[in-house]
PDB file of N, CA and C in Angstrom:
ATOM      1  N   MET A   1       6.488  -1.494  17.892  1.00  0.00           N
ATOM      2  CA  MET A   1       5.972  -2.347  17.280  1.00  0.00           C
ATOM      3  C   MET A   1       4.479  -2.646  17.465  1.00  0.00           C
ATOM      4  N   ILE A   2       4.091  -2.587  19.038  1.00  0.00           N
ATOM      5  CA  ILE A   2       2.803  -2.659  19.081  1.00  0.00           C
ATOM      6  C   ILE A   2       2.136  -1.401  18.633  1.00  0.00           C
ATOM      7  N   GLY A   3       2.679  -0.318  18.827  1.00  0.00           N
ATOM      8  CA  GLY A   3       2.060   0.761  18.167  1.00  0.00           C
ATOM      9  C   GLY A   3       1.735   0.832  16.846  1.00  0.00           C
ATOM     10  N   ALA A   4       2.716   0.331  15.881  1.00  0.00           N
ATOM     11  CA  ALA A   4       2.467  -0.205  14.571  1.00  0.00           C
ATOM     12  C   ALA A   4       0.933  -0.998  14.362  1.00  0.00           C
ATOM     13  N   MET A   5       0.895  -2.041  15.309  1.00  0.00           N
ATOM     14  CA  MET A   5      -0.127  -2.789  15.176  1.00  0.00           C
ATOM     15  C   MET A   5      -1.383  -2.383  15.503  1.00  0.00           C
ATOM     16  N   TYR A   6      -1.485  -1.506  16.673  1.00  0.00           N
ATOM     17  CA  TYR A   6      -2.631  -0.772  16.772  1.00  0.00           C
ATOM     18  C   TYR A   6      -3.130   0.109  15.720  1.00  0.00           C
ATOM     19  N   SER A   7      -2.095   0.905  15.184  1.00  0.00           N
ATOM     20  CA  SER A   7      -2.496   1.955  13.996  1.00  0.00           C
ATOM     21  C   SER A   7      -2.952   1.273  12.872  1.00  0.00           C
ATOM     22  N   ALA A   8      -2.157   0.019  12.611  1.00  0.00           N
ATOM     23  CA  ALA A   8      -2.895  -0.901  11.283  1.00  0.00           C
ATOM     24  C   ALA A   8      -4.164  -1.690  11.835  1.00  0.00           C
ATOM     25  N   LEU A   9      -4.481  -1.970  13.122  1.00  0.00           N
ATOM     26  CA  LEU A   9      -5.624  -2.346  13.433  1.00  0.00           C
ATOM     27  C   LEU A   9      -6.868  -1.203  13.078  1.00  0.00           C
ATOM     28  N   SER A  10      -6.535  -0.095  13.621  1.00  0.00           N
ATOM     29  CA  SER A  10      -7.473   1.017  13.428  1.00  0.00           C
ATOM     30  C   SER A  10      -7.791   1.228  11.847  1.00  0.00           C
ATOM     31  N   GLY A  11      -6.596   0.949  11.280  1.00  0.00           N
ATOM     32  CA  GLY A  11      -6.668   1.368   9.734  1.00  0.00           C
ATOM     33  C   GLY A  11      -7.575   0.253   9.058  1.00  0.00           C
ATOM     34  N   LEU A  12      -7.657  -0.960   9.486  1.00  0.00           N
ATOM     35  CA  LEU A  12      -8.335  -2.164   9.045  1.00  0.00           C
ATOM     36  C   LEU A  12      -9.884  -1.847   9.359  1.00  0.00           C
ATOM     37  N   THR A  13     -10.090  -1.474  10.536  1.00  0.00           N
ATOM     38  CA  THR A  13     -11.569  -0.957  10.869  1.00  0.00           C
ATOM     39  C   THR A  13     -12.010   0.087  10.155  1.00  0.00           C
ATOM     40  N   ALA A  14     -11.186   0.779   9.686  1.00  0.00           N
ATOM     41  CA  ALA A  14     -11.861   2.249   9.237  1.00  0.00           C
ATOM     42  C   ALA A  14     -11.986   1.807   7.736  1.00  0.00           C
ATOM     43  N   PHE A  15     -11.012   1.082   6.925  1.00  0.00           N
ATOM     44  CA  PHE A  15     -11.398   0.455   5.506  1.00  0.00           C
ATOM     45  C   PHE A  15     -12.228  -0.277   5.642  1.00  0.00           C
ATOM     46  N   SER A  16     -12.650  -1.189   6.419  1.00  0.00           N
ATOM     47  CA  SER A  16     -13.648  -1.990   6.529  1.00  0.00           C
ATOM     48  C   SER A  16     -15.101  -1.323   6.287  1.00  0.00           C
ATOM     49  N   THR A  17     -15.032  -0.391   7.277  1.00  0.00           N
ATOM     50  CA  THR A  17     -16.191   0.958   7.527  1.00  0.00           C
ATOM     51  C   THR A  17     -16.600   1.308   6.052  1.00  0.00           C
ATOM     52  N   GLN A  18     -15.498   1.753   5.221  1.00  0.00           N
ATOM     53  CA  GLN A  18     -15.545   2.349   4.033  1.00  0.00           C
ATOM     54  C   GLN A  18     -16.011   1.588   2.999  1.00  0.00           C
ATOM     55  N   ILE A  19     -15.699   0.215   3.040  1.00  0.00           N
ATOM     56  CA  ILE A  19     -16.230  -0.810   2.186  1.00  0.00           C
ATOM     57  C   ILE A  19     -17.834  -1.042   2.411  1.00  0.00           C
ATOM     58  N   ASP A  20     -18.039  -1.275   3.707  1.00  0.00           N
ATOM     59  CA  ASP A  20     -19.358  -1.411   3.875  1.00  0.00           C
ATOM     60  C   ASP A  20     -20.326  -0.157   3.607  1.00  0.00           C
ATOM     61  N   VAL A  21     -19.860   1.035   3.795  1.00  0.00           N
ATOM     62  CA  VAL A  21     -20.639   2.227   3.323  1.00  0.00           C
ATOM     63  C   VAL A  21     -20.671   2.126   1.756  1.00  0.00           C
ATOM     64  N   SER A  22     -19.919   1.999   0.925  1.00  0.00           N
ATOM     65  CA  SER A  22     -19.629   2.010  -0.498  1.00  0.00           C
ATOM     66  C   SER A  22     -20.658   0.568  -0.832  1.00  0.00           C
ATOM     67  N   ALA A  23     -20.798  -0.330  -0.134  1.00  0.00           N
ATOM     68  CA  ALA A  23     -21.684  -1.516  -0.509  1.00  0.00           C
ATOM     69  C   ALA A  23     -23.124  -1.147  -0.265  1.00  0.00           C
ATOM     70  N   HIS A  24     -23.257  -0.479   0.933  1.00  0.00           N
ATOM     71  CA  HIS A  24     -24.688  -0.119   1.216  1.00  0.00           C
ATOM     72  C   HIS A  24     -25.194   0.990   0.024  1.00  0.00           C
ATOM     73  N   ASN A  25     -24.057   1.862  -0.297  1.00  0.00           N
ATOM     74  CA  ASN A  25     -24.706   2.764  -1.560  1.00  0.00           C
ATOM     75  C   ASN A  25     -25.164   2.136  -2.799  1.00  0.00           C
ATOM     76  N   VAL A  26     -24.095   1.009  -3.159  1.00  0.00           N
ATOM     77  CA  VAL A  26     -24.493   0.442  -4.260  1.00  0.00           C
ATOM     78  C   VAL A  26     -25.796  -0.564  -4.153  1.00  0.00           C
ATOM     79  N   ALA A  27     -26.010  -0.923  -3.127  1.00  0.00           N
ATOM     80  CA  ALA A  27     -27.143  -1.870  -2.798  1.00  0.00           C
ATOM     81  C   ALA A  27     -28.420  -1.086  -3.034  1.00  0.00           C
ATOM     82  N   ASN A  28     -28.272   0.315  -2.622  1.00  0.00           N
ATOM     83  CA  ASN A  28     -29.394   1.271  -2.862  1.00  0.00           C
ATOM     84  C   ASN A  28     -29.468   2.162  -4.087  1.00  0.00           C
ATOM     85  N   ILE A  29     -28.745   1.825  -5.051  1.00  0.00           N
ATOM     86  CA  ILE A  29     -28.501   2.771  -6.259  1.00  0.00           C
ATOM     87  C   ILE A  29     -29.787   2.913  -7.042  1.00  0.00           C
ATOM     88  N   MET A  30     -30.766   1.876  -6.674  1.00  0.00           N
ATOM     89  CA  MET A  30     -32.070   1.819  -7.589  1.00  0.00           C
ATOM     90  C   MET A  30     -33.232   2.447  -6.634  1.00  0.00           C
ATOM     91  N   THR A  31     -33.094   2.819  -5.358  1.00  0.00           N
ATOM     92  CA  THR A  31     -33.973   3.224  -4.580  1.00  0.00           C
ATOM     93  C   THR A  31     -33.963   4.763  -4.524  1.00  0.00           C
ATOM     94  N   ASN A  32     -35.456   5.054  -4.975  1.00  0.00           N
ATOM     95  CA  ASN A  32     -35.712   6.457  -5.187  1.00  0.00           C
ATOM     96  C   ASN A  32     -35.613   7.309  -4.050  1.00  0.00           C
ATOM     97  N   GLU A  33     -34.990   8.694  -4.173  1.00  0.00           N
ATOM     98  CA  GLU A  33     -34.635   9.464  -3.122  1.00  0.00           C
ATOM     99  C   GLU A  33     -33.662   9.025  -1.971  1.00  0.00           C
ATOM    100  N   PHE A  34     -32.957   7.873  -2.555  1.00  0.00           N
ATOM    101  CA  PHE A  34     -31.967   7.443  -1.681  1.00  0.00           C
ATOM    102  C   PHE A  34     -30.471   8.334  -1.517  1.00  0.00           C
ATOM    103  N   LYS A  35     -30.031   8.874  -0.524  1.00  0.00           N
ATOM    104  CA  LYS A  35     -28.848   9.473  -0.210  1.00  0.00           C
ATOM    105  C   LYS A  35     -27.702   8.765   0.087  1.00  0.00           C
ATOM    106  N   LYS A  36     -26.581   9.016  -0.631  1.00  0.00           N
ATOM    107  CA  LYS A  36     -25.424   8.240  -0.322  1.00  0.00           C
ATOM    108  C   LYS A  36     -24.792   8.604   0.808  1.00  0.00           C
ATOM    109  N   SER A  37     -23.971   7.830   1.405  1.00  0.00           N
ATOM    110  CA  SER A  37     -23.064   8.269   2.587  1.00  0.00           C
ATOM    111  C   SER A  37     -21.654   8.073   1.996  1.00  0.00           C
ATOM    112  N   ARG A  38     -20.682   9.020   2.786  1.00  0.00           N
ATOM    113  CA  ARG A  38     -19.149   8.904   2.514  1.00  0.00           C
ATOM    114  C   ARG A  38     -18.662   8.652   3.780  1.00  0.00           C
ATOM    115  N   THR A  39     -17.643   7.956   3.758  1.00  0.00           N
ATOM    116  CA  THR A  39     -16.505   7.798   4.991  1.00  0.00           C
ATOM    117  C   THR A  39     -15.233   8.824   4.867  1.00  0.00           C
ATOM    118  N   GLU A  40     -15.320   9.446   6.185  1.00  0.00           N
ATOM    119  CA  GLU A  40     -13.920  10.197   6.045  1.00  0.00           C
ATOM    120  C   GLU A  40     -13.182   9.928   7.257  1.00  0.00           C
ATOM    121  N   PHE A  41     -11.934   9.690   6.946  1.00  0.00           N
ATOM    122  CA  PHE A  41     -10.945   9.305   8.069  1.00  0.00           C
ATOM    123  C   PHE A  41     -10.348  10.432   8.803  1.00  0.00           C
ATOM    124  N   VAL A  42     -10.376  10.207  10.390  1.00  0.00           N
ATOM    125  CA  VAL A  42      -9.966  11.261  11.163  1.00  0.00           C
ATOM    126  C   VAL A  42      -8.705  10.540  11.767  1.00  0.00           C
ATOM    127  N   ALA A  43      -7.466  11.379  11.830  1.00  0.00           N
ATOM    128  CA  ALA A  43      -6.327  10.821  12.582  1.00  0.00           C
ATOM    129  C   ALA A  43      -6.619  11.232  14.127  1.00  0.00           C
ATOM    130  N   LEU A  44      -6.241  10.193  14.869  1.00  0.00           N
ATOM    131  CA  LEU A  44      -6.361  10.133  16.460  1.00  0.00           C
ATOM    132  C   LEU A  44      -4.833  10.602  16.940  1.00  0.00           C
ATOM    133  N   GLU A  45      -4.958  11.346  18.008  1.00  0.00           N
ATOM    134  CA  GLU A  45      -3.760  12.062  18.540  1.00  0.00           C
ATOM    135  C   GLU A  45      -3.062  10.687  19.224  1.00  0.00           C
ATOM    136  N   THR A  46      -3.702   9.452  19.475  1.00  0.00           N
ATOM    137  CA  THR A  46      -3.094   8.452  20.041  1.00  0.00           C
ATOM    138  C   THR A  46      -2.131   7.453  19.056  1.00  0.00           C
ATOM    139  N   GLY A  47      -2.529   7.884  17.984  1.00  0.00           N
ATOM    140  CA  GLY A  47      -2.243   7.023  16.723  1.00  0.00           C
ATOM    141  C   GLY A  47      -3.431   6.431  16.097  1.00  0.00           C
ATOM    142  N   GLY A  48      -3.197   6.014  14.955  1.00  0.00           N
ATOM    143  CA  GLY A  48      -4.338   5.419  14.227  1.00  0.00           C
ATOM    144  C   GLY A  48      -5.352   6.316  13.658  1.00  0.00           C
ATOM    145  N   VAL A  49      -6.428   5.803  13.246  1.00  0.00           N
ATOM    146  CA  VAL A  49      -7.560   6.400  12.623  1.00  0.00           C
ATOM    147  C   VAL A  49      -8.826   6.092  12.951  1.00  0.00           C
ATOM    148  N   LEU A  50      -9.801   7.099  12.851  1.00  0.00           N
ATOM    149  CA  LEU A  50     -11.284   6.713  13.144  1.00  0.00           C
ATOM    150  C   LEU A  50     -12.122   7.063  11.801  1.00  0.00           C
ATOM    151  N   SER A  51     -13.087   6.371  11.419  1.00  0.00           N
ATOM    152  CA  SER A  51     -13.799   6.532  10.360  1.00  0.00           C
ATOM    153  C   SER A  51     -15.050   7.295  10.562  1.00  0.00           C
ATOM    154  N   VAL A  52     -15.366   8.307  10.202  1.00  0.00           N
ATOM    155  CA  VAL A  52     -16.584   9.247  10.240  1.00  0.00           C
ATOM    156  C   VAL A  52     -17.433   8.893   9.105  1.00  0.00           C
ATOM    157  N   ILE A  53     -18.864   8.564   9.420  1.00  0.00           N
ATOM    158  CA  ILE A  53     -19.681   8.359   8.350  1.00  0.00           C
ATOM    159  C   ILE A  53     -20.633   9.719   8.156  1.00  0.00           C
ATOM    160  N   GLN A  54     -20.556  10.436   6.925  1.00  0.00           N
ATOM    161  CA  GLN A  54     -21.288  11.413   6.558  1.00  0.00           C
ATOM    162  C   GLN A  54     -22.405  11.277   5.537  1.00  0.00           C
ATOM    163  N   ARG A  55     -23.329  11.787   5.915  1.00  0.00           N
ATOM    164  CA  ARG A  55     -24.527  11.545   4.649  1.00  0.00           C
ATOM    165  C   ARG A  55     -24.347  12.903   3.529  1.00  0.00           C
ATOM    166  N   ASN A  56     -24.542  12.366   2.450  1.00  0.00           N
ATOM    167  CA  ASN A  56     -24.401  13.459   1.336  1.00  0.00           C
ATOM    168  C   ASN A  56     -26.208  13.785   0.970  1.00  0.00           C
ATOM    169  N   GLU A  57     -26.431  15.026   1.450  1.00  0.00           N
ATOM    170  CA  GLU A  57     -27.717  15.570   1.131  1.00  0.00           C
ATOM    171  C   GLU A  57     -28.012  16.182  -0.053  1.00  0.00           C
ATOM    172  N   SER A  58     -27.300  16.109  -1.074  1.00  0.00           N
ATOM    173  CA  SER A  58     -27.302  16.483  -2.309  1.00  0.00           C
ATOM    174  C   SER A  58     -28.653  15.882  -3.224  1.00  0.00           C
ATOM    175  N   ALA A  59     -29.407  16.419  -4.136  1.00  0.00           N
ATOM    176  CA  ALA A  59     -30.333  15.716  -4.891  1.00  0.00           C
ATOM    177  C   ALA A  59     -29.952  15.034  -5.993  1.00  0.00           C
ATOM    178  N   GLY A  60     -30.572  13.802  -6.003  1.00  0.00           N
ATOM    179  CA  GLY A  60     -30.209  13.109  -7.367  1.00  0.00           C
ATOM    180  C   GLY A  60     -30.740  13.484  -8.592  1.00  0.00           C
ATOM    181  N   PRO A  61     -30.678  12.975  -9.468  1.00  0.00           N
ATOM    182  CA  PRO A  61     -31.456  13.506 -10.635  1.00  0.00           C
ATOM    183  C   PRO A  61     -33.069  13.031 -10.666  1.00  0.00           C
ATOM    184  N   PHE A  62     -33.804  14.135 -11.440  1.00  0.00           N
ATOM    185  CA  PHE A  62     -34.917  14.066 -11.488  1.00  0.00           C
ATOM    186  C   PHE A  62     -35.509  13.505 -12.664  1.00  0.00           C
ATOM    187  N   ILE A  63     -36.494  12.797 -12.776  1.00  0.00           N
ATOM    188  CA  ILE A  63     -37.196  12.290 -14.035  1.00  0.00           C
ATOM    189  C   ILE A  63     -38.716  12.568 -13.925  1.00  0.00           C
ATOM    190  N   LEU A  64     -39.290  12.410 -15.054  1.00  0.00           N
ATOM    191  CA  LEU A  64     -40.666  12.597 -15.003  1.00  0.00           C
ATOM    192  C   LEU A  64     -41.267  11.170 -15.153  1.00  0.00           C
ATOM    193  N   ASN A  65     -42.234  10.994 -14.152  1.00  0.00           N
ATOM    194  CA  ASN A  65     -42.660   9.572 -13.912  1.00  0.00           C
ATOM    195  C   ASN A  65     -44.287   9.502 -14.202  1.00  0.00           C
ATOM    196  N   ASN A  66     -44.710   8.835 -14.914  1.00  0.00           N
ATOM    197  CA  ASN A  66     -46.325   8.767 -15.309  1.00  0.00           C
ATOM    198  C   ASN A  66     -46.817   8.133 -14.223  1.00  0.00           C
ATOM    199  N   THR A  67     -47.555   8.882 -13.435  1.00  0.00           N
ATOM    200  CA  THR A  67     -48.449   8.157 -12.534  1.00  0.00           C
ATOM    201  C   THR A  67     -50.108   8.060 -12.942  1.00  0.00           C
ATOM    202  N   GLY A  68     -50.923   7.532 -12.377  1.00  0.00           N
ATOM    203  CA  GLY A  68     -52.393   7.140 -12.859  1.00  0.00           C
ATOM    204  C   GLY A  68     -52.898   8.678 -12.847  1.00  0.00           C
ATOM    205  N   TYR A  69     -52.297   9.751 -12.266  1.00  0.00           N
ATOM    206  CA  TYR A  69     -53.153  11.159 -12.245  1.00  0.00           C
ATOM    207  C   TYR A  69     -52.212  11.937 -13.220  1.00  0.00           C
ATOM    208  N   GLY A  70     -51.269  11.590 -13.882  1.00  0.00           N
ATOM    209  CA  GLY A  70     -50.566  12.456 -14.720  1.00  0.00           C
ATOM    210  C   GLY A  70     -49.058  12.319 -14.423  1.00  0.00           C
ATOM    211  N   PRO A  71     -48.161  12.908 -15.366  1.00  0.00           N
ATOM    212  CA  PRO A  71     -46.646  12.985 -14.783  1.00  0.00           C
ATOM    213  C   PRO A  71     -46.223  13.835 -13.545  1.00  0.00           C
ATOM    214  N   ALA A  72     -45.308  13.008 -12.824  1.00  0.00           N
ATOM    215  CA  ALA A  72     -44.717  13.764 -11.787  1.00  0.00           C
ATOM    216  C   ALA A  72     -43.387  13.726 -11.696  1.00  0.00           C
ATOM    217  N   GLN A  73     -42.639  14.671 -11.177  1.00  0.00           N
ATOM    218  CA  GLN A  73     -41.406  14.377 -10.847  1.00  0.00           C
ATOM    219  C   GLN A  73     -40.927  13.412  -9.637  1.00  0.00           C
ATOM    220  N   LEU A  74     -39.696  12.770 -10.241  1.00  0.00           N
ATOM    221  CA  LEU A  74     -39.513  11.741  -9.330  1.00  0.00           C
ATOM    222  C   LEU A  74     -37.888  11.819  -9.107  1.00  0.00           C
ATOM    223  N   GLU A  75     -37.579  11.942  -7.934  1.00  0.00           N
ATOM    224  CA  GLU A  75     -35.913  12.050  -7.634  1.00  0.00           C
ATOM    225  C   GLU A  75     -35.466  10.527  -7.721  1.00  0.00           C
ATOM    226  N   LEU A  76     -34.392  10.336  -8.186  1.00  0.00           N
ATOM    227  CA  LEU A  76     -33.671   9.112  -8.118  1.00  0.00           C
ATOM    228  C   LEU A  76     -32.482   9.162  -6.939  1.00  0.00           C
ATOM    229  N   SER A  77     -31.999   8.073  -6.777  1.00  0.00           N
ATOM    230  CA  SER A  77     -30.776   8.062  -5.953  1.00  0.00           C
ATOM    231  C   SER A  77     -29.515   9.253  -6.584  1.00  0.00           C
ATOM    232  N   ASN A  78     -28.816   9.564  -5.553  1.00  0.00           N
ATOM    233  CA  ASN A  78     -27.752  10.446  -5.924  1.00  0.00           C
ATOM    234  C   ASN A  78     -26.392   9.544  -5.941  1.00  0.00           C
ATOM    235  N   VAL A  79     -26.347   8.200  -5.973  1.00  0.00           N
ATOM    236  CA  VAL A  79     -25.218   7.288  -5.907  1.00  0.00           C
ATOM    237  C   VAL A  79     -24.670   7.167  -7.427  1.00  0.00           C
ATOM    238  N   ASP A  80     -23.351   7.316  -7.761  1.00  0.00           N
ATOM    239  CA  ASP A  80     -22.670   7.106  -8.717  1.00  0.00           C
ATOM    240  C   ASP A  80     -21.806   5.747  -8.862  1.00  0.00           C
ATOM    241  N   LEU A  81     -22.151   4.960  -9.617  1.00  0.00           N
ATOM    242  CA  LEU A  81     -21.714   3.640  -9.587  1.00  0.00           C
ATOM    243  C   LEU A  81     -20.058   3.641  -9.836  1.00  0.00           C
ATOM    244  N   GLY A  82     -19.758   4.608 -10.907  1.00  0.00           N
ATOM    245  CA  GLY A  82     -18.367   4.759 -11.059  1.00  0.00           C
ATOM    246  C   GLY A  82     -17.321   5.170  -9.814  1.00  0.00           C
ATOM    247  N   GLU A  83     -18.043   6.136  -9.121  1.00  0.00           N
ATOM    248  CA  GLU A  83     -17.287   6.830  -8.035  1.00  0.00           C
ATOM    249  C   GLU A  83     -17.315   5.623  -6.673  1.00  0.00           C
ATOM    250  N   GLU A  84     -18.283   4.911  -6.842  1.00  0.00           N
ATOM    251  CA  GLU A  84     -18.407   3.702  -5.691  1.00  0.00           C
ATOM    252  C   GLU A  84     -17.591   2.450  -6.076  1.00  0.00           C
ATOM    253  N   THR A  85     -17.453   2.461  -7.133  1.00  0.00           N
ATOM    254  CA  THR A  85     -16.393   1.213  -7.553  1.00  0.00           C
ATOM    255  C   THR A  85     -14.890   1.758  -7.309  1.00  0.00           C
ATOM    256  N   VAL A  86     -14.551   2.931  -7.648  1.00  0.00           N
ATOM    257  CA  VAL A  86     -13.389   3.432  -6.916  1.00  0.00           C
ATOM    258  C   VAL A  86     -13.210   3.551  -5.596  1.00  0.00           C
ATOM    259  N   ASN A  87     -14.359   3.981  -4.796  1.00  0.00           N
ATOM    260  CA  ASN A  87     -13.991   3.762  -3.262  1.00  0.00           C
ATOM    261  C   ASN A  87     -13.794   2.646  -2.838  1.00  0.00           C
ATOM    262  N   GLN A  88     -14.612   1.342  -3.446  1.00  0.00           N
ATOM    263  CA  GLN A  88     -14.376   0.100  -2.985  1.00  0.00           C
ATOM    264  C   GLN A  88     -12.923  -0.479  -3.468  1.00  0.00           C
ATOM    265  N   ILE A  89     -12.242  -0.083  -4.528  1.00  0.00           N
ATOM    266  CA  ILE A  89     -10.999  -0.463  -4.679  1.00  0.00           C
ATOM    267  C   ILE A  89      -9.954   0.189  -3.888  1.00  0.00           C
ATOM    268  N   ILE A  90     -10.279   1.528  -3.338  1.00  0.00           N
ATOM    269  CA  ILE A  90      -9.377   2.292  -2.669  1.00  0.00           C
ATOM    270  C   ILE A  90      -9.500   1.435  -1.016  1.00  0.00           C
ATOM    271  N   GLY A  91     -10.772   1.020  -0.653  1.00  0.00           N
ATOM    272  CA  GLY A  91     -11.017   0.402   0.447  1.00  0.00           C
ATOM    273  C   GLY A  91     -10.076  -0.722   0.471  1.00  0.00           C
ATOM    274  N   GLN A  92     -10.390  -1.416  -0.598  1.00  0.00           N
ATOM    275  CA  GLN A  92      -9.510  -2.827  -0.621  1.00  0.00           C
ATOM    276  C   GLN A  92      -8.185  -2.693  -0.545  1.00  0.00           C
ATOM    277  N   ARG A  93      -7.519  -1.914  -1.207  1.00  0.00           N
ATOM    278  CA  ARG A  93      -6.133  -1.942  -1.290  1.00  0.00           C
ATOM    279  C   ARG A  93      -5.826  -1.229   0.233  1.00  0.00           C
ATOM    280  N   GLY A  94      -6.339  -0.394   0.755  1.00  0.00           N
ATOM    281  CA  GLY A  94      -6.184   0.327   2.176  1.00  0.00           C
ATOM    282  C   GLY A  94      -6.113  -1.095   3.133  1.00  0.00           C
ATOM    283  N   PHE A  95      -7.150  -1.862   2.925  1.00  0.00           N
ATOM    284  CA  PHE A  95      -7.263  -2.984   3.965  1.00  0.00           C
ATOM    285  C   PHE A  95      -6.006  -3.950   3.721  1.00  0.00           C
ATOM    286  N   GLU A  96      -5.705  -4.062   2.453  1.00  0.00           N
ATOM    287  CA  GLU A  96      -4.626  -5.061   2.241  1.00  0.00           C
ATOM    288  C   GLU A  96      -3.453  -4.442   2.661  1.00  0.00           C
ATOM    289  N   ALA A  97      -2.948  -3.214   2.523  1.00  0.00           N
ATOM    290  CA  ALA A  97      -1.869  -2.543   2.989  1.00  0.00           C
ATOM    291  C   ALA A  97      -1.734  -2.571   4.679  1.00  0.00           C
ATOM    292  N   ASN A  98      -2.786  -2.176   5.497  1.00  0.00           N
ATOM    293  CA  ASN A  98      -2.914  -2.457   6.816  1.00  0.00           C
ATOM    294  C   ASN A  98      -2.705  -3.990   7.256  1.00  0.00           C
ATOM    295  N   LEU A  99      -3.200  -4.767   6.513  1.00  0.00           N
ATOM    296  CA  LEU A  99      -3.009  -6.393   6.829  1.00  0.00           C
ATOM    297  C   LEU A  99      -1.589  -6.567   6.783  1.00  0.00           C
ATOM    298  N   GLN A 100      -0.806  -6.075   5.701  1.00  0.00           N
ATOM    299  CA  GLN A 100       0.526  -6.379   5.355  1.00  0.00           C
ATOM    300  C   GLN A 100       1.359  -5.737   6.581  1.00  0.00           C
ATOM    301  N   THR A 101       0.800  -4.594   7.030  1.00  0.00           N
ATOM    302  CA  THR A 101       1.683  -3.937   8.180  1.00  0.00           C
ATOM    303  C   THR A 101       1.464  -4.930   9.559  1.00  0.00           C
ATOM    304  N   ILE A 102       0.530  -5.286   9.650  1.00  0.00           N
ATOM    305  CA  ILE A 102       0.244  -6.414  10.937  1.00  0.00           C
ATOM    306  C   ILE A 102       1.049  -7.733  10.381  1.00  0.00           C
ATOM    307  N   LYS A 103       1.141  -8.210   9.478  1.00  0.00           N
ATOM    308  CA  LYS A 103       1.727  -9.209   9.310  1.00  0.00           C
ATOM    309  C   LYS A 103       3.322  -9.168   9.434  1.00  0.00           C
ATOM    310  N   THR A 104       3.900  -7.895   8.862  1.00  0.00           N
ATOM    311  CA  THR A 104       5.321  -7.618   9.209  1.00  0.00           C
ATOM    312  C   THR A 104       5.731  -7.325  10.513  1.00  0.00           C
ATOM    313  N   ALA A 105       4.861  -6.652  11.501  1.00  0.00           N
ATOM    314  CA  ALA A 105       4.958  -6.356  12.521  1.00  0.00           C
ATOM    315  C   ALA A 105       5.049  -7.696  13.411  1.00  0.00           C
ATOM    316  N   ASP A 106       4.062  -8.813  13.220  1.00  0.00           N
ATOM    317  CA  ASP A 106       4.257  -9.978  13.645  1.00  0.00           C
ATOM    318  C   ASP A 106       5.451 -10.846  13.446  1.00  0.00           C
ATOM    319  N   ASP A 107       5.816 -10.466  12.248  1.00  0.00           N
ATOM    320  CA  ASP A 107       7.359 -11.583  11.686  1.00  0.00           C
ATOM    321  C   ASP A 107       8.336 -10.687  12.789  1.00  0.00           C
ATOM    322  N   MET A 108       8.466  -9.395  12.676  1.00  0.00           N
ATOM    323  CA  MET A 108       9.425  -8.789  13.462  1.00  0.00           C
ATOM    324  C   MET A 108       9.451  -9.169  14.839  1.00  0.00           C
ATOM    325  N   LEU A 109       8.373  -9.088  15.454  1.00  0.00           N
ATOM    326  CA  LEU A 109       8.030  -9.607  16.931  1.00  0.00           C
ATOM    327  C   LEU A 109       8.558 -10.994  17.082  1.00  0.00           C
ATOM    328  N   GLY A 110       8.119 -11.964  16.235  1.00  0.00           N
ATOM    329  CA  GLY A 110       8.656 -13.437  16.245  1.00  0.00           C
ATOM    330  C   GLY A 110      10.034 -13.489  16.025  1.00  0.00           C
ATOM    331  N   SER A 111      10.783 -12.682  15.325  1.00  0.00           N
ATOM    332  CA  SER A 111      12.209 -12.785  15.285  1.00  0.00           C
ATOM    333  C   SER A 111      12.929 -12.281  16.470  1.00  0.00           C
ATOM    334  N   LEU A 112      12.207 -11.080  17.199  1.00  0.00           N
ATOM    335  CA  LEU A 112      13.005 -10.660  18.146  1.00  0.00           C
ATOM    336  C   LEU A 112      12.696 -11.996  19.458  1.00  0.00           C
ATOM    337  N   LEU A 113      11.739 -12.041  19.608  1.00  0.00           N
ATOM    338  CA  LEU A 113      11.330 -13.429  20.534  1.00  0.00           C
ATOM    339  C   LEU A 113      12.526 -14.284  20.326  1.00  0.00           C
ATOM    340  N   ASP A 114      12.540 -14.707  19.150  1.00  0.00           N
ATOM    341  CA  ASP A 114      13.584 -15.919  18.758  1.00  0.00           C
ATOM    342  C   ASP A 114      15.080 -15.609  19.170  1.00  0.00           C
ATOM    343  N   ILE A 115      15.245 -14.238  19.167  1.00  0.00           N
ATOM    344  CA  ILE A 115      16.815 -13.870  19.224  1.00  0.00           C
ATOM    345  C   ILE A 115      16.871 -13.778  20.863  1.00  0.00           C
ATOM    346  N   LYS A 116      15.940 -13.446  21.597  1.00  0.00           N
ATOM    347  CA  LYS A 116      15.858 -13.421  23.137  1.00  0.00           C
ATOM    348  C   LYS A 116      16.088 -14.864  23.659  1.00  0.00           C
ATOM    349  N   LYS A 117      15.695 -15.833  23.058  1.00  0.00           N
ATOM    350  CA  LYS A 117      15.709 -17.252  23.528  1.00  0.00           C
ATOM    351  C   LYS A 117      17.211 -17.542  23.986  1.00  0.00           C
TER     352      LYS A 117
END
């Protein structure tokens, strides 16, 4: 039961990081030349999961920007709002699932302690 709680706590941390990274990407969607980040989950040998943040260096779309000296190419952010919305929903559902695991393990542990009395 303690192992389940440990795994669920590491899952909460990992999904929280995923939501934070996605929110950071959305906050910078209008920042020129901004490069989005992604969260990848790595399973630990001891149980649980670790979140690894990786930056996506692919170029964003280019537009012609009229400067005072003539037109120049300007690179926009490579963030896709639809993709980030999906990532936030996945993060939210993963967070909720791990939270439910902790609640269930807590209830089971409480029941065991009641039986032992």
